[in-house]
PDB file of N, CA and C in Angstrom:
ATOM      1  N   UNK A   1      79.541  38.580 143.131  1.00  0.00           N
ATOM      2  CA  UNK A   1      80.447  39.677 143.405  1.00  0.00           C
ATOM      3  C   UNK A   1      79.838  41.008 142.982  1.00  0.00           C
ATOM      4  N   UNK A   2      79.142  41.019 141.852  1.00  0.00           N
ATOM      5  CA  UNK A   2      78.523  42.244 141.333  1.00  0.00           C
ATOM      6  C   UNK A   2      77.539  42.825 142.328  1.00  0.00           C
ATOM      7  N   UNK A   3      76.730  41.965 142.951  1.00  0.00           N
ATOM      8  CA  UNK A   3      75.723  42.476 143.879  1.00  0.00           C
ATOM      9  C   UNK A   3      76.366  43.138 145.099  1.00  0.00           C
ATOM     10  N   UNK A   4      77.522  42.638 145.529  1.00  0.00           N
ATOM     11  CA  UNK A   4      78.208  43.232 146.685  1.00  0.00           C
ATOM     12  C   UNK A   4      78.833  44.566 146.329  1.00  0.00           C
ATOM     13  N   UNK A   5      79.346  44.687 145.110  1.00  0.00           N
ATOM     14  CA  UNK A   5      79.871  45.971 144.659  1.00  0.00           C
ATOM     15  C   UNK A   5      78.754  47.005 144.529  1.00  0.00           C
ATOM     16  N   UNK A   6      77.625  46.569 144.006  1.00  0.00           N
ATOM     17  CA  UNK A   6      76.471  47.458 143.910  1.00  0.00           C
ATOM     18  C   UNK A   6      75.996  47.883 145.297  1.00  0.00           C
ATOM     19  N   UNK A   7      75.963  46.941 146.228  1.00  0.00           N
ATOM     20  CA  UNK A   7      75.534  47.269 147.588  1.00  0.00           C
ATOM     21  C   UNK A   7      76.490  48.281 148.224  1.00  0.00           C
ATOM     22  N   UNK A   8      77.772  48.107 147.999  1.00  0.00           N
ATOM     23  CA  UNK A   8      78.757  49.065 148.506  1.00  0.00           C
ATOM     24  C   UNK A   8      78.502  50.448 147.916  1.00  0.00           C
ATOM     25  N   UNK A   9      78.206  50.503 146.628  1.00  0.00           N
ATOM     26  CA  UNK A   9      77.912  51.792 145.981  1.00  0.00           C
ATOM     27  C   UNK A   9      76.656  52.427 146.584  1.00  0.00           C
ATOM     28  N   UNK A  10      75.630  51.621 146.826  1.00  0.00           N
ATOM     29  CA  UNK A  10      74.390  52.138 147.413  1.00  0.00           C
ATOM     30  C   UNK A  10      74.655  52.710 148.803  1.00  0.00           C
ATOM     31  N   UNK A  11      75.474  52.018 149.582  1.00  0.00           N
ATOM     32  CA  UNK A  11      75.816  52.488 150.929  1.00  0.00           C
ATOM     33  C   UNK A  11      76.573  53.810 150.855  1.00  0.00           C
ATOM     34  N   UNK A  12      77.564  53.875 149.988  1.00  0.00           N
ATOM     35  CA  UNK A  12      78.372  55.094 149.870  1.00  0.00           C
ATOM     36  C   UNK A  12      77.546  56.277 149.375  1.00  0.00           C
ATOM     37  N   UNK A  13      76.628  56.023 148.468  1.00  0.00           N
ATOM     38  CA  UNK A  13      75.744  57.089 147.996  1.00  0.00           C
ATOM     39  C   UNK A  13      74.843  57.594 149.124  1.00  0.00           C
ATOM     40  N   UNK A  14      74.307  56.678 149.912  1.00  0.00           N
ATOM     41  CA  UNK A  14      73.427  57.063 151.019  1.00  0.00           C
ATOM     42  C   UNK A  14      74.184  57.852 152.077  1.00  0.00           C
ATOM     43  N   UNK A  15      75.371  57.411 152.426  1.00  0.00           N
ATOM     44  CA  UNK A  15      76.177  58.107 153.432  1.00  0.00           C
ATOM     45  C   UNK A  15      76.582  59.493 152.912  1.00  0.00           C
ATOM     46  N   UNK A  16      76.961  59.574 151.655  1.00  0.00           N
ATOM     47  CA  UNK A  16      77.310  60.864 151.060  1.00  0.00           C
ATOM     48  C   UNK A  16      76.123  61.820 151.113  1.00  0.00           C
ATOM     49  N   UNK A  17      74.935  61.325 150.772  1.00  0.00           N
ATOM     50  CA  UNK A  17      73.738  62.166 150.811  1.00  0.00           C
ATOM     51  C   UNK A  17      73.438  62.631 152.230  1.00  0.00           C
ATOM     52  N   UNK A  18      73.568  61.742 153.188  1.00  0.00           N
ATOM     53  CA  UNK A  18      73.264  62.098 154.576  1.00  0.00           C
ATOM     54  C   UNK A  18      74.258  63.122 155.111  1.00  0.00           C
ATOM     55  N   UNK A  19      75.532  62.911 154.853  1.00  0.00           N
ATOM     56  CA  UNK A  19      76.529  63.883 155.285  1.00  0.00           C
ATOM     57  C   UNK A  19      76.339  65.223 154.568  1.00  0.00           C
ATOM     58  N   UNK A  20      75.948  65.170 153.312  1.00  0.00           N
ATOM     59  CA  UNK A  20      75.692  66.396 152.560  1.00  0.00           C
ATOM     60  C   UNK A  20      74.485  67.137 153.123  1.00  0.00           C
ATOM     61  N   UNK A  21      73.528  66.403 153.638  1.00  0.00           N
ATOM     62  CA  UNK A  21      72.363  67.030 154.264  1.00  0.00           C
ATOM     63  C   UNK A  21      72.810  67.908 155.429  1.00  0.00           C
ATOM     64  N   UNK A  22      73.727  67.392 156.209  1.00  0.00           N
ATOM     65  CA  UNK A  22      74.263  68.184 157.324  1.00  0.00           C
ATOM     66  C   UNK A  22      75.060  69.374 156.796  1.00  0.00           C
ATOM     67  N   UNK A  23      75.887  69.148 155.792  1.00  0.00           N
ATOM     68  CA  UNK A  23      76.681  70.229 155.219  1.00  0.00           C
ATOM     69  C   UNK A  23      75.834  71.287 154.533  1.00  0.00           C
ATOM     70  N   UNK A  24      74.675  70.888 154.004  1.00  0.00           N
ATOM     71  CA  UNK A  24      73.806  71.819 153.284  1.00  0.00           C
ATOM     72  C   UNK A  24      73.199  72.868 154.212  1.00  0.00           C
ATOM     73  N   UNK A  25      73.237  72.634 155.509  1.00  0.00           N
ATOM     74  CA  UNK A  25      72.745  73.651 156.448  1.00  0.00           C
ATOM     75  C   UNK A  25      73.552  74.937 156.316  1.00  0.00           C
ATOM     76  N   UNK A  26      74.839  74.797 156.035  1.00  0.00           N
ATOM     77  CA  UNK A  26      75.712  75.958 155.866  1.00  0.00           C
ATOM     78  C   UNK A  26      75.988  76.282 154.397  1.00  0.00           C
ATOM     79  N   UNK A  27      75.849  75.306 153.529  1.00  0.00           N
ATOM     80  CA  UNK A  27      76.138  75.469 152.099  1.00  0.00           C
ATOM     81  C   UNK A  27      74.968  74.889 151.302  1.00  0.00           C
ATOM     82  N   UNK A  28      73.916  75.681 151.076  1.00  0.00           N
ATOM     83  CA  UNK A  28      72.695  75.171 150.434  1.00  0.00           C
ATOM     84  C   UNK A  28      72.898  74.493 149.083  1.00  0.00           C
ATOM     85  N   UNK A  29      73.960  74.783 148.380  1.00  0.00           N
ATOM     86  CA  UNK A  29      74.202  74.125 147.090  1.00  0.00           C
ATOM     87  C   UNK A  29      74.357  72.611 147.252  1.00  0.00           C
ATOM     88  N   UNK A  30      74.707  72.164 148.444  1.00  0.00           N
ATOM     89  CA  UNK A  30      74.869  70.726 148.688  1.00  0.00           C
ATOM     90  C   UNK A  30      73.543  69.960 148.650  1.00  0.00           C
ATOM     91  N   UNK A  31      72.415  70.679 148.659  1.00  0.00           N
ATOM     92  CA  UNK A  31      71.129  69.980 148.551  1.00  0.00           C
ATOM     93  C   UNK A  31      71.035  69.195 147.240  1.00  0.00           C
ATOM     94  N   UNK A  32      71.721  69.651 146.216  1.00  0.00           N
ATOM     95  CA  UNK A  32      71.759  68.901 144.949  1.00  0.00           C
ATOM     96  C   UNK A  32      72.398  67.536 145.189  1.00  0.00           C
ATOM     97  N   UNK A  33      73.494  67.507 145.935  1.00  0.00           N
ATOM     98  CA  UNK A  33      74.165  66.243 146.248  1.00  0.00           C
ATOM     99  C   UNK A  33      73.290  65.355 147.128  1.00  0.00           C
ATOM    100  N   UNK A  34      72.500  65.968 147.999  1.00  0.00           N
ATOM    101  CA  UNK A  34      71.572  65.205 148.841  1.00  0.00           C
ATOM    102  C   UNK A  34      70.579  64.450 147.960  1.00  0.00           C
ATOM    103  N   UNK A  35      69.959  65.154 147.042  1.00  0.00           N
ATOM    104  CA  UNK A  35      68.956  64.539 146.169  1.00  0.00           C
ATOM    105  C   UNK A  35      69.586  63.479 145.279  1.00  0.00           C
ATOM    106  N   UNK A  36      70.696  63.818 144.645  1.00  0.00           N
ATOM    107  CA  UNK A  36      71.373  62.865 143.756  1.00  0.00           C
ATOM    108  C   UNK A  36      71.816  61.628 144.539  1.00  0.00           C
ATOM    109  N   UNK A  37      72.345  61.838 145.733  1.00  0.00           N
ATOM    110  CA  UNK A  37      72.812  60.718 146.551  1.00  0.00           C
ATOM    111  C   UNK A  37      71.703  59.780 146.959  1.00  0.00           C
ATOM    112  N   UNK A  38      70.582  60.340 147.441  1.00  0.00           N
ATOM    113  CA  UNK A  38      69.480  59.475 147.873  1.00  0.00           C
ATOM    114  C   UNK A  38      68.814  58.769 146.697  1.00  0.00           C
ATOM    115  N   UNK A  39      68.571  59.490 145.619  1.00  0.00           N
ATOM    116  CA  UNK A  39      67.973  58.855 144.430  1.00  0.00           C
ATOM    117  C   UNK A  39      68.910  57.772 143.898  1.00  0.00           C
ATOM    118  N   UNK A  40      70.189  58.094 143.819  1.00  0.00           N
ATOM    119  CA  UNK A  40      71.163  57.107 143.354  1.00  0.00           C
ATOM    120  C   UNK A  40      71.236  55.902 144.265  1.00  0.00           C
ATOM    121  N   UNK A  41      71.192  56.134 145.564  1.00  0.00           N
ATOM    122  CA  UNK A  41      71.283  55.031 146.512  1.00  0.00           C
ATOM    123  C   UNK A  41      70.110  54.065 146.366  1.00  0.00           C
ATOM    124  N   UNK A  42      68.903  54.609 146.293  1.00  0.00           N
ATOM    125  CA  UNK A  42      67.737  53.735 146.152  1.00  0.00           C
ATOM    126  C   UNK A  42      67.713  53.042 144.794  1.00  0.00           C
ATOM    127  N   UNK A  43      68.184  53.730 143.772  1.00  0.00           N
ATOM    128  CA  UNK A  43      68.252  53.109 142.440  1.00  0.00           C
ATOM    129  C   UNK A  43      69.229  51.940 142.445  1.00  0.00           C
ATOM    130  N   UNK A  44      70.396  52.154 143.022  1.00  0.00           N
ATOM    131  CA  UNK A  44      71.399  51.084 143.069  1.00  0.00           C
ATOM    132  C   UNK A  44      70.940  49.969 144.004  1.00  0.00           C
ATOM    133  N   UNK A  45      70.247  50.323 145.094  1.00  0.00           N
ATOM    134  CA  UNK A  45      69.713  49.292 145.987  1.00  0.00           C
ATOM    135  C   UNK A  45      68.712  48.408 145.237  1.00  0.00           C
ATOM    136  N   UNK A  46      67.912  48.994 144.359  1.00  0.00           N
ATOM    137  CA  UNK A  46      66.996  48.202 143.530  1.00  0.00           C
ATOM    138  C   UNK A  46      67.772  47.261 142.610  1.00  0.00           C
ATOM    139  N   UNK A  47      68.899  47.728 142.087  1.00  0.00           N
ATOM    140  CA  UNK A  47      69.733  46.861 141.244  1.00  0.00           C
ATOM    141  C   UNK A  47      70.325  45.709 142.056  1.00  0.00           C
ATOM    142  N   UNK A  48      70.644  45.979 143.312  1.00  0.00           N
ATOM    143  CA  UNK A  48      71.157  44.928 144.201  1.00  0.00           C
ATOM    144  C   UNK A  48      70.101  43.831 144.350  1.00  0.00           C
ATOM    145  N   UNK A  49      68.865  44.239 144.563  1.00  0.00           N
ATOM    146  CA  UNK A  49      67.779  43.259 144.710  1.00  0.00           C
ATOM    147  C   UNK A  49      67.567  42.497 143.404  1.00  0.00           C
ATOM    148  N   UNK A  50      67.652  43.208 142.296  1.00  0.00           N
ATOM    149  CA  UNK A  50      67.501  42.559 140.989  1.00  0.00           C
ATOM    150  C   UNK A  50      68.628  41.555 140.746  1.00  0.00           C
ATOM    151  N   UNK A  51      69.814  41.831 141.300  1.00  0.00           N
ATOM    152  CA  UNK A  51      70.966  40.931 141.146  1.00  0.00           C
ATOM    153  C   UNK A  51      70.834  39.681 142.005  1.00  0.00           C
ATOM    154  N   UNK A  52      69.825  39.657 142.891  1.00  0.00           N
ATOM    155  CA  UNK A  52      69.552  38.430 143.620  1.00  0.00           C
ATOM    156  C   UNK A  52      69.838  38.440 145.112  1.00  0.00           C
ATOM    157  N   UNK A  53      70.267  39.560 145.661  1.00  0.00           N
ATOM    158  CA  UNK A  53      70.498  39.598 147.103  1.00  0.00           C
ATOM    159  C   UNK A  53      69.147  39.711 147.804  1.00  0.00           C
ATOM    160  N   UNK A  54      68.954  38.942 148.839  1.00  0.00           N
ATOM    161  CA  UNK A  54      67.685  38.931 149.571  1.00  0.00           C
ATOM    162  C   UNK A  54      67.418  40.307 150.176  1.00  0.00           C
ATOM    163  N   UNK A  55      66.158  40.693 150.210  1.00  0.00           N
ATOM    164  CA  UNK A  55      65.772  42.006 150.703  1.00  0.00           C
ATOM    165  C   UNK A  55      66.239  42.250 152.140  1.00  0.00           C
ATOM    166  N   UNK A  56      66.008  41.288 153.022  1.00  0.00           N
ATOM    167  CA  UNK A  56      66.391  41.455 154.422  1.00  0.00           C
ATOM    168  C   UNK A  56      67.887  41.637 154.590  1.00  0.00           C
ATOM    169  N   UNK A  57      68.648  40.915 153.826  1.00  0.00           N
ATOM    170  CA  UNK A  57      70.107  41.013 153.890  1.00  0.00           C
ATOM    171  C   UNK A  57      70.562  42.349 153.301  1.00  0.00           C
ATOM    172  N   UNK A  58      70.077  42.679 152.109  1.00  0.00           N
ATOM    173  CA  UNK A  58      70.497  43.915 151.443  1.00  0.00           C
ATOM    174  C   UNK A  58      70.129  45.136 152.276  1.00  0.00           C
ATOM    175  N   UNK A  59      68.895  45.189 152.730  1.00  0.00           N
ATOM    176  CA  UNK A  59      68.449  46.353 153.490  1.00  0.00           C
ATOM    177  C   UNK A  59      69.142  46.422 154.847  1.00  0.00           C
ATOM    178  N   UNK A  60      69.337  45.275 155.469  1.00  0.00           N
ATOM    179  CA  UNK A  60      70.016  45.252 156.761  1.00  0.00           C
ATOM    180  C   UNK A  60      71.443  45.759 156.667  1.00  0.00           C
ATOM    181  N   UNK A  61      72.165  45.278 155.693  1.00  0.00           N
ATOM    182  CA  UNK A  61      73.555  45.714 155.513  1.00  0.00           C
ATOM    183  C   UNK A  61      73.604  47.172 155.098  1.00  0.00           C
ATOM    184  N   UNK A  62      72.732  47.561 154.191  1.00  0.00           N
ATOM    185  CA  UNK A  62      72.680  48.948 153.725  1.00  0.00           C
ATOM    186  C   UNK A  62      72.377  49.885 154.888  1.00  0.00           C
ATOM    187  N   UNK A  63      71.361  49.571 155.655  1.00  0.00           N
ATOM    188  CA  UNK A  63      70.972  50.434 156.763  1.00  0.00           C
ATOM    189  C   UNK A  63      72.009  50.479 157.874  1.00  0.00           C
ATOM    190  N   UNK A  64      72.485  49.318 158.282  1.00  0.00           N
ATOM    191  CA  UNK A  64      73.451  49.265 159.382  1.00  0.00           C
ATOM    192  C   UNK A  64      74.777  49.906 159.000  1.00  0.00           C
ATOM    193  N   UNK A  65      75.224  49.642 157.795  1.00  0.00           N
ATOM    194  CA  UNK A  65      76.478  50.251 157.340  1.00  0.00           C
ATOM    195  C   UNK A  65      76.329  51.757 157.237  1.00  0.00           C
ATOM    196  N   UNK A  66      75.173  52.189 156.778  1.00  0.00           N
ATOM    197  CA  UNK A  66      74.915  53.616 156.681  1.00  0.00           C
ATOM    198  C   UNK A  66      74.944  54.293 158.043  1.00  0.00           C
ATOM    199  N   UNK A  67      74.325  53.666 159.021  1.00  0.00           N
ATOM    200  CA  UNK A  67      74.320  54.217 160.380  1.00  0.00           C
ATOM    201  C   UNK A  67      75.746  54.291 160.920  1.00  0.00           C
ATOM    202  N   UNK A  68      76.480  53.197 160.809  1.00  0.00           N
ATOM    203  CA  UNK A  68      77.839  53.152 161.363  1.00  0.00           C
ATOM    204  C   UNK A  68      78.765  54.150 160.667  1.00  0.00           C
ATOM    205  N   UNK A  69      78.766  54.147 159.341  1.00  0.00           N
ATOM    206  CA  UNK A  69      79.642  55.063 158.599  1.00  0.00           C
ATOM    207  C   UNK A  69      79.271  56.519 158.832  1.00  0.00           C
ATOM    208  N   UNK A  70      77.981  56.790 158.857  1.00  0.00           N
ATOM    209  CA  UNK A  70      77.543  58.168 159.078  1.00  0.00           C
ATOM    210  C   UNK A  70      77.960  58.655 160.457  1.00  0.00           C
ATOM    211  N   UNK A  71      77.809  57.831 161.472  1.00  0.00           N
ATOM    212  CA  UNK A  71      78.199  58.236 162.828  1.00  0.00           C
ATOM    213  C   UNK A  71      79.696  58.524 162.903  1.00  0.00           C
ATOM    214  N   UNK A  72      80.491  57.641 162.341  1.00  0.00           N
ATOM    215  CA  UNK A  72      81.948  57.814 162.394  1.00  0.00           C
ATOM    216  C   UNK A  72      82.381  59.031 161.572  1.00  0.00           C
ATOM    217  N   UNK A  73      81.864  59.151 160.363  1.00  0.00           N
ATOM    218  CA  UNK A  73      82.271  60.265 159.498  1.00  0.00           C
ATOM    219  C   UNK A  73      81.734  61.607 159.996  1.00  0.00           C
ATOM    220  N   UNK A  74      80.552  61.610 160.609  1.00  0.00           N
ATOM    221  CA  UNK A  74      80.033  62.859 161.182  1.00  0.00           C
ATOM    222  C   UNK A  74      80.902  63.304 162.351  1.00  0.00           C
ATOM    223  N   UNK A  75      81.440  62.353 163.090  1.00  0.00           N
ATOM    224  CA  UNK A  75      82.366  62.708 164.168  1.00  0.00           C
ATOM    225  C   UNK A  75      83.639  63.323 163.587  1.00  0.00           C
ATOM    226  N   UNK A  76      84.127  62.752 162.487  1.00  0.00           N
ATOM    227  CA  UNK A  76      85.350  63.268 161.866  1.00  0.00           C
ATOM    228  C   UNK A  76      85.148  64.618 161.183  1.00  0.00           C
ATOM    229  N   UNK A  77      84.067  64.736 160.401  1.00  0.00           N
ATOM    230  CA  UNK A  77      83.858  65.935 159.596  1.00  0.00           C
ATOM    231  C   UNK A  77      83.204  67.086 160.352  1.00  0.00           C
ATOM    232  N   UNK A  78      82.269  66.743 161.254  1.00  0.00           N
ATOM    233  CA  UNK A  78      81.466  67.776 161.893  1.00  0.00           C
ATOM    234  C   UNK A  78      81.691  67.887 163.404  1.00  0.00           C
ATOM    235  N   UNK A  79      82.539  67.017 163.935  1.00  0.00           N
ATOM    236  CA  UNK A  79      82.784  67.057 165.366  1.00  0.00           C
ATOM    237  C   UNK A  79      81.636  66.524 166.206  1.00  0.00           C
ATOM    238  N   UNK A  80      80.752  65.739 165.592  1.00  0.00           N
ATOM    239  CA  UNK A  80      79.659  65.126 166.346  1.00  0.00           C
ATOM    240  C   UNK A  80      80.238  64.187 167.398  1.00  0.00           C
ATOM    241  N   UNK A  81      79.534  64.010 168.504  1.00  0.00           N
ATOM    242  CA  UNK A  81      80.048  63.100 169.531  1.00  0.00           C
ATOM    243  C   UNK A  81      80.034  61.648 169.052  1.00  0.00           C
ATOM    244  N   UNK A  82      81.009  60.908 169.491  1.00  0.00           N
ATOM    245  CA  UNK A  82      81.072  59.464 169.238  1.00  0.00           C
ATOM    246  C   UNK A  82      81.601  58.849 170.532  1.00  0.00           C
ATOM    247  N   UNK A  83      80.672  58.445 171.375  1.00  0.00           N
ATOM    248  CA  UNK A  83      81.025  57.952 172.700  1.00  0.00           C
ATOM    249  C   UNK A  83      81.241  56.451 172.690  1.00  0.00           C
ATOM    250  N   UNK A  84      81.743  55.945 173.788  1.00  0.00           N
ATOM    251  CA  UNK A  84      81.918  54.506 173.927  1.00  0.00           C
ATOM    252  C   UNK A  84      80.598  53.763 173.819  1.00  0.00           C
ATOM    253  N   UNK A  85      79.559  54.322 174.401  1.00  0.00           N
ATOM    254  CA  UNK A  85      78.234  53.688 174.316  1.00  0.00           C
ATOM    255  C   UNK A  85      77.756  53.647 172.870  1.00  0.00           C
ATOM    256  N   UNK A  86      78.013  54.726 172.135  1.00  0.00           N
ATOM    257  CA  UNK A  86      77.648  54.741 170.716  1.00  0.00           C
ATOM    258  C   UNK A  86      78.450  53.687 169.952  1.00  0.00           C
ATOM    259  N   UNK A  87      79.711  53.534 170.294  1.00  0.00           N
ATOM    260  CA  UNK A  87      80.545  52.506 169.672  1.00  0.00           C
ATOM    261  C   UNK A  87      80.003  51.112 169.922  1.00  0.00           C
ATOM    262  N   UNK A  88      79.551  50.879 171.152  1.00  0.00           N
ATOM    263  CA  UNK A  88      78.937  49.579 171.477  1.00  0.00           C
ATOM    264  C   UNK A  88      77.669  49.388 170.642  1.00  0.00           C
ATOM    265  N   UNK A  89      76.884  50.452 170.509  1.00  0.00           N
ATOM    266  CA  UNK A  89      75.667  50.368 169.695  1.00  0.00           C
ATOM    267  C   UNK A  89      75.980  50.040 168.247  1.00  0.00           C
ATOM    268  N   UNK A  90      77.006  50.685 167.710  1.00  0.00           N
ATOM    269  CA  UNK A  90      77.410  50.395 166.326  1.00  0.00           C
ATOM    270  C   UNK A  90      77.856  48.945 166.201  1.00  0.00           C
ATOM    271  N   UNK A  91      78.609  48.468 167.177  1.00  0.00           N
ATOM    272  CA  UNK A  91      79.055  47.070 167.157  1.00  0.00           C
ATOM    273  C   UNK A  91      77.858  46.115 167.217  1.00  0.00           C
ATOM    274  N   UNK A  92      76.855  46.443 168.014  1.00  0.00           N
ATOM    275  CA  UNK A  92      75.657  45.602 168.097  1.00  0.00           C
ATOM    276  C   UNK A  92      74.876  45.602 166.782  1.00  0.00           C
ATOM    277  N   UNK A  93      74.808  46.755 166.139  1.00  0.00           N
ATOM    278  CA  UNK A  93      74.135  46.828 164.836  1.00  0.00           C
ATOM    279  C   UNK A  93      74.862  45.937 163.831  1.00  0.00           C
ATOM    280  N   UNK A  94      76.179  46.024 163.815  1.00  0.00           N
ATOM    281  CA  UNK A  94      76.976  45.200 162.902  1.00  0.00           C
ATOM    282  C   UNK A  94      76.788  43.722 163.217  1.00  0.00           C
ATOM    283  N   UNK A  95      76.782  43.379 164.497  1.00  0.00           N
ATOM    284  CA  UNK A  95      76.571  41.979 164.893  1.00  0.00           C
ATOM    285  C   UNK A  95      75.194  41.499 164.444  1.00  0.00           C
ATOM    286  N   UNK A  96      74.192  42.352 164.570  1.00  0.00           N
ATOM    287  CA  UNK A  96      72.848  41.975 164.131  1.00  0.00           C
ATOM    288  C   UNK A  96      72.789  41.713 162.641  1.00  0.00           C
ATOM    289  N   UNK A  97      73.443  42.549 161.862  1.00  0.00           N
ATOM    290  CA  UNK A  97      73.474  42.354 160.410  1.00  0.00           C
ATOM    291  C   UNK A  97      74.204  41.062 160.062  1.00  0.00           C
ATOM    292  N   UNK A  98      75.289  40.780 160.767  1.00  0.00           N
ATOM    293  CA  UNK A  98      76.001  39.519 160.526  1.00  0.00           C
ATOM    294  C   UNK A  98      75.109  38.321 160.827  1.00  0.00           C
ATOM    295  N   UNK A  99      74.318  38.415 161.875  1.00  0.00           N
ATOM    296  CA  UNK A  99      73.390  37.323 162.197  1.00  0.00           C
ATOM    297  C   UNK A  99      72.353  37.138 161.091  1.00  0.00           C
ATOM    298  N   UNK A 100      71.841  38.238 160.564  1.00  0.00           N
ATOM    299  CA  UNK A 100      70.878  38.155 159.463  1.00  0.00           C
ATOM    300  C   UNK A 100      71.533  37.511 158.247  1.00  0.00           C
ATOM    301  N   UNK A 101      72.762  37.920 157.927  1.00  0.00           N
ATOM    302  CA  UNK A 101      73.470  37.354 156.769  1.00  0.00           C
ATOM    303  C   UNK A 101      73.733  35.862 156.961  1.00  0.00           C
ATOM    304  N   UNK A 102      74.203  35.486 158.137  1.00  0.00           N
ATOM    305  CA  UNK A 102      74.462  34.066 158.397  1.00  0.00           C
ATOM    306  C   UNK A 102      73.178  33.250 158.337  1.00  0.00           C
ATOM    307  N   UNK A 103      72.100  33.819 158.850  1.00  0.00           N
ATOM    308  CA  UNK A 103      70.811  33.135 158.779  1.00  0.00           C
ATOM    309  C   UNK A 103      70.336  32.978 157.348  1.00  0.00           C
ATOM    310  N   UNK A 104      70.554  33.996 156.533  1.00  0.00           N
ATOM    311  CA  UNK A 104      70.157  33.923 155.125  1.00  0.00           C
ATOM    312  C   UNK A 104      70.975  32.872 154.383  1.00  0.00           C
ATOM    313  N   UNK A 105      72.269  32.811 154.666  1.00  0.00           N
ATOM    314  CA  UNK A 105      73.110  31.798 154.028  1.00  0.00           C
ATOM    315  C   UNK A 105      72.676  30.399 154.434  1.00  0.00           C
ATOM    316  N   UNK A 106      72.347  30.228 155.702  1.00  0.00           N
ATOM    317  CA  UNK A 106      71.886  28.929 156.192  1.00  0.00           C
ATOM    318  C   UNK A 106      70.580  28.528 155.505  1.00  0.00           C
ATOM    319  N   UNK A 107      69.670  29.486 155.367  1.00  0.00           N
ATOM    320  CA  UNK A 107      68.394  29.198 154.717  1.00  0.00           C
ATOM    321  C   UNK A 107      68.593  28.844 153.243  1.00  0.00           C
ATOM    322  N   UNK A 108      69.504  29.537 152.568  1.00  0.00           N
ATOM    323  CA  UNK A 108      69.776  29.233 151.166  1.00  0.00           C
ATOM    324  C   UNK A 108      70.372  27.844 151.010  1.00  0.00           C
ATOM    325  N   UNK A 109      71.283  27.483 151.914  1.00  0.00           N
ATOM    326  CA  UNK A 109      71.896  26.157 151.858  1.00  0.00           C
ATOM    327  C   UNK A 109      70.850  25.076 152.096  1.00  0.00           C
ATOM    328  N   UNK A 110      69.975  25.298 153.063  1.00  0.00           N
ATOM    329  CA  UNK A 110      68.920  24.327 153.364  1.00  0.00           C
ATOM    330  C   UNK A 110      67.980  24.183 152.173  1.00  0.00           C
ATOM    331  N   UNK A 111      67.624  25.312 151.560  1.00  0.00           N
ATOM    332  CA  UNK A 111      66.738  25.286 150.397  1.00  0.00           C
ATOM    333  C   UNK A 111      67.385  24.526 149.234  1.00  0.00           C
ATOM    334  N   UNK A 112      68.687  24.747 149.029  1.00  0.00           N
ATOM    335  CA  UNK A 112      69.404  24.052 147.955  1.00  0.00           C
ATOM    336  C   UNK A 112      69.440  22.550 148.212  1.00  0.00           C
ATOM    337  N   UNK A 113      69.635  22.149 149.482  1.00  0.00           N
ATOM    338  CA  UNK A 113      69.649  20.724 149.806  1.00  0.00           C
ATOM    339  C   UNK A 113      68.276  20.099 149.574  1.00  0.00           C
ATOM    340  N   UNK A 114      67.224  20.810 149.937  1.00  0.00           N
ATOM    341  CA  UNK A 114      65.858  20.297 149.759  1.00  0.00           C
ATOM    342  C   UNK A 114      65.518  20.157 148.287  1.00  0.00           C
ATOM    343  N   UNK A 115      65.953  21.081 147.478  1.00  0.00           N
ATOM    344  CA  UNK A 115      65.678  21.005 146.036  1.00  0.00           C
ATOM    345  C   UNK A 115      66.476  19.875 145.381  1.00  0.00           C
ATOM    346  N   UNK A 116      67.650  19.595 145.919  1.00  0.00           N
ATOM    347  CA  UNK A 116      68.505  18.561 145.350  1.00  0.00           C
ATOM    348  C   UNK A 116      68.158  17.172 145.820  1.00  0.00           C
ATOM    349  N   UNK A 117      67.355  17.059 146.881  1.00  0.00           N
ATOM    350  CA  UNK A 117      67.011  15.742 147.431  1.00  0.00           C
ATOM    351  C   UNK A 117      65.986  15.054 146.524  1.00  0.00           C
ATOM    352  N   UNK A 118      66.143  13.735 146.347  1.00  0.00           N
ATOM    353  CA  UNK A 118      65.157  13.001 145.522  1.00  0.00           C
ATOM    354  C   UNK A 118      63.817  12.955 146.218  1.00  0.00           C
ATOM    355  N   UNK A 119      62.750  13.025 145.413  1.00  0.00           N
ATOM    356  CA  UNK A 119      61.380  13.031 145.954  1.00  0.00           C
ATOM    357  C   UNK A 119      60.890  11.654 146.245  1.00  0.00           C
TER     358      UNK A 119
END
């Protein structure tokens, strides 16, 4: 559970930094939040890996969630376009991450069975 909470924090920090990057174009003081957000995100992502989440799963979820949240929130905050095609793309990214997660779970289960089998 801890690793998932950490991953959520890493995602939120990354999205905050990215949105702040856009906001900093008009309000340069937000560059501080950009730096803090990105440094914090990568630091927490390292803690996620240390907690035992596989790199492919952690990075996939972090990246895909960041893309999806940033697109939706940029549409809300900045009026960026969010078209039906973009929505389909976001759905495909999410589906891809789910496939990676399911594959990782399957591999872990198989590995556990192999380790538990008598030699």
